[in-house]
Amino acid sequence: AQQGASEDRRELLAFLSGSSSYAPASGEIVGILKQMSDEMLADYNSATEAEMSAIKVFEELMAAKKKEKQLASEAIEKKTARIAELGIALAEKANDLEDTQEALAADKQFIANMEETCKKKKEEWEERCKLRAEELQALAETIKILNDDDALELFKSTLPSPGASSFVQVQVTAAIAKSRAASLLKEGLRFAGVSERV
């Protein structure tokens, strides 16, 4: 390497001193410059191709990202609209729930009132049935008494004789008394809602 440097130095000194021993090497320099130019051009072309490829990849990536952004924006809009719809539906359901709870409370109150009313009506009905049973028992006993032979004799003895004068003349026979008592009893049974058994 030192020897090459000394030769270069000598040639440079000879060139500067105008010595005739210098042989121009311009052809060699032009060759070196041409080679450098070719290498630089190849590097430039390679770099240009790499840059163009990178630009193409970048543009494709940007197009894909723009499409993703558009899809994401559409999804956000749809989800925002869905959230709004769900919010409205939720508010409506909350109102429905409130109305249903109020209706349930009113129904419970109605049931409580109805149970109380039914209890009172049942007590009243039981009291009526008891009174009707007592009335029917009293009517049955009355008919029994009226049908008794002693009662008939007593009844006959209290009536004035056919020849006697009175404001009202009454003739009652045992058959008429039985018939009247039976019709009264039937009417009492019909009023009480009990089937006729006498």
C-alpha atoms as a PDB file:
ATOM      1  CA  ALA A   1       0.000   0.000   0.000  1.00  0.00           C
ATOM      2  CA  GLN A   2       2.951   2.344   0.767  1.00  0.00           C
ATOM      3  CA  GLN A   3       4.514   1.590  -2.579  1.00  0.00           C
ATOM      4  CA  GLY A   4       1.282   2.515  -4.429  1.00  0.00           C
ATOM      5  CA  ALA A   5       1.095   5.739  -2.455  1.00  0.00           C
ATOM      6  CA  SER A   6       4.731   6.619  -3.354  1.00  0.00           C
ATOM      7  CA  GLU A   7       4.060   6.067  -7.034  1.00  0.00           C
ATOM      8  CA  ASP A   8       1.007   8.254  -6.889  1.00  0.00           C
ATOM      9  CA  ARG A   9       3.055  10.908  -5.153  1.00  0.00           C
ATOM     10  CA  ARG A  10       5.782  10.736  -7.780  1.00  0.00           C
ATOM     11  CA  GLU A  11       3.313  11.043 -10.592  1.00  0.00           C
ATOM     12  CA  LEU A  12       1.686  14.016  -8.910  1.00  0.00           C
ATOM     13  CA  LEU A  13       5.066  15.727  -8.427  1.00  0.00           C
ATOM     14  CA  ALA A  14       6.074  15.007 -12.001  1.00  0.00           C
ATOM     15  CA  PHE A  15       2.786  16.491 -13.244  1.00  0.00           C
ATOM     16  CA  LEU A  16       3.272  19.596 -11.189  1.00  0.00           C
ATOM     17  CA  SER A  17       6.873  20.074 -12.195  1.00  0.00           C
ATOM     18  CA  GLY A  18       6.004  19.612 -15.855  1.00  0.00           C
ATOM     19  CA  SER A  19       8.345  16.701 -16.181  1.00  0.00           C
ATOM     20  CA  SER A  20       8.076  14.749 -19.370  1.00  0.00           C
ATOM     21  CA  SER A  21       8.087  11.479 -17.580  1.00  0.00           C
ATOM     22  CA  TYR A  22       4.377  12.014 -16.715  1.00  0.00           C
ATOM     23  CA  ALA A  23       2.067   9.938 -18.821  1.00  0.00           C
ATOM     24  CA  PRO A  24      -1.550  11.215 -18.741  1.00  0.00           C
ATOM     25  CA  ALA A  25      -4.020   8.710 -17.344  1.00  0.00           C
ATOM     26  CA  SER A  26      -7.212  10.454 -18.456  1.00  0.00           C
ATOM     27  CA  GLY A  27      -8.571   7.328 -20.053  1.00  0.00           C
ATOM     28  CA  GLU A  28      -8.270   5.561 -16.765  1.00  0.00           C
ATOM     29  CA  ILE A  29      -9.999   8.440 -14.922  1.00  0.00           C
ATOM     30  CA  VAL A  30     -12.809   8.554 -17.446  1.00  0.00           C
ATOM     31  CA  GLY A  31     -13.245   4.835 -16.962  1.00  0.00           C
ATOM     32  CA  ILE A  32     -13.385   5.276 -13.197  1.00  0.00           C
ATOM     33  CA  LEU A  33     -15.857   8.148 -13.541  1.00  0.00           C
ATOM     34  CA  LYS A  34     -17.951   6.112 -15.984  1.00  0.00           C
ATOM     35  CA  GLN A  35     -17.925   3.205 -13.585  1.00  0.00           C
ATOM     36  CA  MET A  36     -18.910   5.516 -10.709  1.00  0.00           C
ATOM     37  CA  SER A  37     -21.637   7.051 -12.862  1.00  0.00           C
ATOM     38  CA  ASP A  38     -22.984   3.613 -13.760  1.00  0.00           C
ATOM     39  CA  GLU A  39     -22.919   2.560 -10.117  1.00  0.00           C
ATOM     40  CA  MET A  40     -24.627   5.759  -9.011  1.00  0.00           C
ATOM     41  CA  LEU A  41     -27.222   5.411 -11.759  1.00  0.00           C
ATOM     42  CA  ALA A  42     -27.845   1.806 -10.738  1.00  0.00           C
ATOM     43  CA  ASP A  43     -28.078   2.878  -7.084  1.00  0.00           C
ATOM     44  CA  TYR A  44     -30.427   5.707  -8.094  1.00  0.00           C
ATOM     45  CA  ASN A  45     -32.612   3.365 -10.142  1.00  0.00           C
ATOM     46  CA  SER A  46     -32.607   0.830  -7.322  1.00  0.00           C
ATOM     47  CA  ALA A  47     -33.470   3.529  -4.777  1.00  0.00           C
ATOM     48  CA  THR A  48     -36.172   4.904  -7.098  1.00  0.00           C
ATOM     49  CA  GLU A  49     -37.701   1.463  -7.513  1.00  0.00           C
ATOM     50  CA  ALA A  50     -37.556   0.879  -3.752  1.00  0.00           C
ATOM     51  CA  GLU A  51     -39.142   4.296  -3.149  1.00  0.00           C
ATOM     52  CA  MET A  52     -41.870   3.648  -5.749  1.00  0.00           C
ATOM     53  CA  SER A  53     -42.528   0.244  -4.203  1.00  0.00           C
ATOM     54  CA  ALA A  54     -42.660   1.831  -0.740  1.00  0.00           C
ATOM     55  CA  ILE A  55     -45.037   4.554  -2.055  1.00  0.00           C
ATOM     56  CA  LYS A  56     -47.275   1.887  -3.590  1.00  0.00           C
ATOM     57  CA  VAL A  57     -47.297  -0.112  -0.330  1.00  0.00           C
ATOM     58  CA  PHE A  58     -47.984   3.104   1.596  1.00  0.00           C
ATOM     59  CA  GLU A  59     -50.861   4.078  -0.722  1.00  0.00           C
ATOM     60  CA  GLU A  60     -52.342   0.577  -0.455  1.00  0.00           C
ATOM     61  CA  LEU A  61     -51.969   0.737   3.344  1.00  0.00           C
ATOM     62  CA  MET A  62     -53.601   4.203   3.396  1.00  0.00           C
ATOM     63  CA  ALA A  63     -56.470   2.964   1.197  1.00  0.00           C
ATOM     64  CA  ALA A  64     -56.974  -0.023   3.522  1.00  0.00           C
ATOM     65  CA  LYS A  65     -56.823   2.239   6.584  1.00  0.00           C
ATOM     66  CA  LYS A  66     -59.303   4.687   4.998  1.00  0.00           C
ATOM     67  CA  LYS A  67     -61.648   1.790   4.295  1.00  0.00           C
ATOM     68  CA  GLU A  68     -61.222   0.541   7.886  1.00  0.00           C
ATOM     69  CA  LYS A  69     -61.872   4.065   9.150  1.00  0.00           C
ATOM     70  CA  GLN A  70     -65.012   4.331   7.005  1.00  0.00           C
ATOM     71  CA  LEU A  71     -66.244   0.934   8.221  1.00  0.00           C
ATOM     72  CA  ALA A  72     -65.431   1.879  11.809  1.00  0.00           C
ATOM     73  CA  SER A  73     -67.280   5.210  11.394  1.00  0.00           C
ATOM     74  CA  GLU A  74     -70.321   3.411   9.959  1.00  0.00           C
ATOM     75  CA  ALA A  75     -70.199   0.902  12.819  1.00  0.00           C
ATOM     76  CA  ILE A  76     -69.976   3.771  15.328  1.00  0.00           C
ATOM     77  CA  GLU A  77     -72.974   5.490  13.706  1.00  0.00           C
ATOM     78  CA  LYS A  78     -74.974   2.250  13.745  1.00  0.00           C
ATOM     79  CA  LYS A  79     -74.040   1.550  17.352  1.00  0.00           C
ATOM     80  CA  THR A  80     -74.839   5.131  18.355  1.00  0.00           C
ATOM     81  CA  ALA A  81     -78.255   4.826  16.689  1.00  0.00           C
ATOM     82  CA  ARG A  82     -78.763   1.444  18.393  1.00  0.00           C
ATOM     83  CA  ILE A  83     -77.809   2.961  21.749  1.00  0.00           C
ATOM     84  CA  ALA A  84     -80.362   5.724  21.171  1.00  0.00           C
ATOM     85  CA  GLU A  85     -83.044   3.167  20.245  1.00  0.00           C
ATOM     86  CA  LEU A  86     -82.194   1.055  23.285  1.00  0.00           C
ATOM     87  CA  GLY A  87     -82.310   4.158  25.469  1.00  0.00           C
ATOM     88  CA  ILE A  88     -85.805   4.966  24.200  1.00  0.00           C
ATOM     89  CA  ALA A  89     -86.898   1.339  24.614  1.00  0.00           C
ATOM     90  CA  LEU A  90     -85.449   1.287  28.128  1.00  0.00           C
ATOM     91  CA  ALA A  91     -87.313   4.482  29.039  1.00  0.00           C
ATOM     92  CA  GLU A  92     -90.542   3.000  27.648  1.00  0.00           C
ATOM     93  CA  LYS A  93     -89.971  -0.240  29.584  1.00  0.00           C
ATOM     94  CA  ALA A  94     -89.308   1.780  32.741  1.00  0.00           C
ATOM     95  CA  ASN A  95     -92.623   3.613  32.201  1.00  0.00           C
ATOM     96  CA  ASP A  96     -94.379   0.300  31.520  1.00  0.00           C
ATOM     97  CA  LEU A  97     -92.855  -1.154  34.679  1.00  0.00           C
ATOM     98  CA  GLU A  98     -94.011   1.837  36.705  1.00  0.00           C
ATOM     99  CA  ASP A  99     -97.524   1.592  35.227  1.00  0.00           C
ATOM    100  CA  THR A 100     -97.585  -2.166  35.845  1.00  0.00           C
ATOM    101  CA  GLN A 101     -96.443  -1.701  39.446  1.00  0.00           C
ATOM    102  CA  GLU A 102     -99.163   0.901  39.989  1.00  0.00           C
ATOM    103  CA  ALA A 103    -101.750  -1.409  38.400  1.00  0.00           C
ATOM    104  CA  LEU A 104    -100.493  -4.289  40.562  1.00  0.00           C
ATOM    105  CA  ALA A 105    -100.815  -2.176  43.704  1.00  0.00           C
ATOM    106  CA  ALA A 106    -104.345  -1.159  42.668  1.00  0.00           C
ATOM    107  CA  ASP A 107    -105.230  -4.815  41.923  1.00  0.00           C
ATOM    108  CA  LYS A 108    -103.870  -5.905  45.305  1.00  0.00           C
ATOM    109  CA  GLN A 109    -105.938  -3.195  46.991  1.00  0.00           C
ATOM    110  CA  PHE A 110    -108.986  -4.292  44.982  1.00  0.00           C
ATOM    111  CA  ILE A 111    -108.422  -7.929  46.011  1.00  0.00           C
ATOM    112  CA  ALA A 112    -108.073  -6.915  49.666  1.00  0.00           C
ATOM    113  CA  ASN A 113    -111.296  -4.880  49.445  1.00  0.00           C
ATOM    114  CA  MET A 114    -113.027  -7.714  47.588  1.00  0.00           C
ATOM    115  CA  GLU A 115    -111.945 -10.252  50.209  1.00  0.00           C
ATOM    116  CA  GLU A 116    -113.293  -7.996  52.955  1.00  0.00           C
ATOM    117  CA  THR A 117    -116.555  -7.492  51.031  1.00  0.00           C
ATOM    118  CA  CYS A 118    -116.869 -11.226  50.362  1.00  0.00           C
ATOM    119  CA  LYS A 119    -116.243 -11.972  54.026  1.00  0.00           C
ATOM    120  CA  LYS A 120    -119.014  -9.553  55.049  1.00  0.00           C
ATOM    121  CA  LYS A 121    -121.386 -10.931  52.395  1.00  0.00           C
ATOM    122  CA  LYS A 122    -120.652 -14.479  53.534  1.00  0.00           C
ATOM    123  CA  GLU A 123    -121.394 -13.532  57.139  1.00  0.00           C
ATOM    124  CA  GLU A 124    -124.613 -11.796  56.028  1.00  0.00           C
ATOM    125  CA  TRP A 125    -125.589 -14.847  53.929  1.00  0.00           C
ATOM    126  CA  GLU A 126    -124.907 -17.209  56.822  1.00  0.00           C
ATOM    127  CA  GLU A 127    -127.030 -14.984  59.079  1.00  0.00           C
ATOM    128  CA  ARG A 128    -129.845 -14.955  56.491  1.00  0.00           C
ATOM    129  CA  CYS A 129    -129.674 -18.703  56.057  1.00  0.00           C
ATOM    130  CA  LYS A 130    -129.797 -19.145  59.829  1.00  0.00           C
ATOM    131  CA  LEU A 131    -132.828 -16.834  60.088  1.00  0.00           C
ATOM    132  CA  ARG A 132    -134.587 -18.608  57.207  1.00  0.00           C
ATOM    133  CA  ALA A 133    -133.887 -21.978  58.765  1.00  0.00           C
ATOM    134  CA  GLU A 134    -135.343 -20.716  62.032  1.00  0.00           C
ATOM    135  CA  GLU A 135    -138.372 -19.309  60.180  1.00  0.00           C
ATOM    136  CA  LEU A 136    -138.874 -22.579  58.312  1.00  0.00           C
ATOM    137  CA  GLN A 137    -138.556 -24.490  61.563  1.00  0.00           C
ATOM    138  CA  ALA A 138    -141.106 -22.175  63.172  1.00  0.00           C
ATOM    139  CA  LEU A 139    -143.472 -22.609  60.190  1.00  0.00           C
ATOM    140  CA  ALA A 140    -143.086 -26.382  60.316  1.00  0.00           C
ATOM    141  CA  GLU A 141    -143.832 -26.385  64.035  1.00  0.00           C
ATOM    142  CA  THR A 142    -146.803 -24.065  63.450  1.00  0.00           C
ATOM    143  CA  ILE A 143    -148.199 -26.385  60.775  1.00  0.00           C
ATOM    144  CA  LYS A 144    -147.676 -29.329  63.056  1.00  0.00           C
ATOM    145  CA  ILE A 145    -149.529 -27.543  65.808  1.00  0.00           C
ATOM    146  CA  LEU A 146    -152.321 -26.513  63.438  1.00  0.00           C
ATOM    147  CA  ASN A 147    -152.644 -30.060  62.122  1.00  0.00           C
ATOM    148  CA  ASP A 148    -152.923 -31.481  65.625  1.00  0.00           C
ATOM    149  CA  ASP A 149    -156.432 -32.691  66.559  1.00  0.00           C
ATOM    150  CA  ASP A 150    -156.400 -30.754  69.859  1.00  0.00           C
ATOM    151  CA  ALA A 151    -155.663 -27.515  68.016  1.00  0.00           C
ATOM    152  CA  LEU A 152    -158.480 -28.199  65.591  1.00  0.00           C
ATOM    153  CA  GLU A 153    -160.933 -28.723  68.434  1.00  0.00           C
ATOM    154  CA  LEU A 154    -159.698 -25.564  70.148  1.00  0.00           C
ATOM    155  CA  PHE A 155    -159.991 -23.657  66.888  1.00  0.00           C
ATOM    156  CA  LYS A 156    -163.557 -24.915  66.375  1.00  0.00           C
ATOM    157  CA  SER A 157    -164.535 -23.956  69.894  1.00  0.00           C
ATOM    158  CA  THR A 158    -163.333 -20.383  69.480  1.00  0.00           C
ATOM    159  CA  LEU A 159    -165.427 -19.838  66.388  1.00  0.00           C
ATOM    160  CA  PRO A 160    -168.986 -18.638  66.827  1.00  0.00           C
ATOM    161  CA  SER A 161    -171.686 -21.107  66.001  1.00  0.00           C
ATOM    162  CA  PRO A 162    -173.286 -20.880  62.562  1.00  0.00           C
ATOM    163  CA  GLY A 163    -176.484 -19.513  63.931  1.00  0.00           C
ATOM    164  CA  ALA A 164    -174.893 -16.865  66.110  1.00  0.00           C
ATOM    165  CA  SER A 165    -174.786 -13.316  64.884  1.00  0.00           C
ATOM    166  CA  SER A 166    -171.426 -11.550  64.574  1.00  0.00           C
ATOM    167  CA  PHE A 167    -169.814  -8.875  62.500  1.00  0.00           C
ATOM    168  CA  VAL A 168    -167.920 -11.456  60.536  1.00  0.00           C
ATOM    169  CA  GLN A 169    -168.967 -14.970  59.925  1.00  0.00           C
ATOM    170  CA  VAL A 170    -166.096 -17.426  59.521  1.00  0.00           C
ATOM    171  CA  GLN A 171    -166.283 -21.069  58.738  1.00  0.00           C
ATOM    172  CA  VAL A 172    -163.046 -22.973  58.820  1.00  0.00           C
ATOM    173  CA  THR A 173    -162.685 -26.621  58.281  1.00  0.00           C
ATOM    174  CA  ALA A 174    -159.636 -28.751  58.895  1.00  0.00           C
ATOM    175  CA  ALA A 175    -159.001 -29.142  55.163  1.00  0.00           C
ATOM    176  CA  ILE A 176    -159.060 -25.357  54.557  1.00  0.00           C
ATOM    177  CA  ALA A 177    -156.684 -24.720  57.482  1.00  0.00           C
ATOM    178  CA  LYS A 178    -154.283 -27.364  56.173  1.00  0.00           C
ATOM    179  CA  SER A 179    -154.435 -25.908  52.681  1.00  0.00           C
ATOM    180  CA  ARG A 180    -153.729 -22.366  53.900  1.00  0.00           C
ATOM    181  CA  ALA A 181    -150.864 -23.467  56.111  1.00  0.00           C
ATOM    182  CA  ALA A 182    -149.318 -25.512  53.287  1.00  0.00           C
ATOM    183  CA  SER A 183    -149.524 -22.581  50.822  1.00  0.00           C
ATOM    184  CA  LEU A 184    -147.967 -20.227  53.411  1.00  0.00           C
ATOM    185  CA  LEU A 185    -145.185 -22.714  54.010  1.00  0.00           C
ATOM    186  CA  LYS A 186    -144.556 -23.148  50.263  1.00  0.00           C
ATOM    187  CA  GLU A 187    -144.409 -19.390  49.767  1.00  0.00           C
ATOM    188  CA  GLY A 188    -141.975 -19.045  52.665  1.00  0.00           C
ATOM    189  CA  LEU A 189    -139.788 -21.791  51.185  1.00  0.00           C
ATOM    190  CA  ARG A 190    -139.864 -20.172  47.745  1.00  0.00           C
ATOM    191  CA  PHE A 191    -138.914 -16.825  49.285  1.00  0.00           C
ATOM    192  CA  ALA A 192    -136.019 -18.479  51.127  1.00  0.00           C
ATOM    193  CA  GLY A 193    -134.834 -20.173  47.931  1.00  0.00           C
ATOM    194  CA  VAL A 194    -135.238 -23.664  49.365  1.00  0.00           C
ATOM    195  CA  SER A 195    -136.840 -26.473  47.370  1.00  0.00           C
ATOM    196  CA  GLU A 196    -140.289 -27.485  48.511  1.00  0.00           C
ATOM    197  CA  ARG A 197    -140.269 -30.517  50.793  1.00  0.00           C
ATOM    198  CA  VAL A 198    -143.660 -30.280  52.515  1.00  0.00           C
END
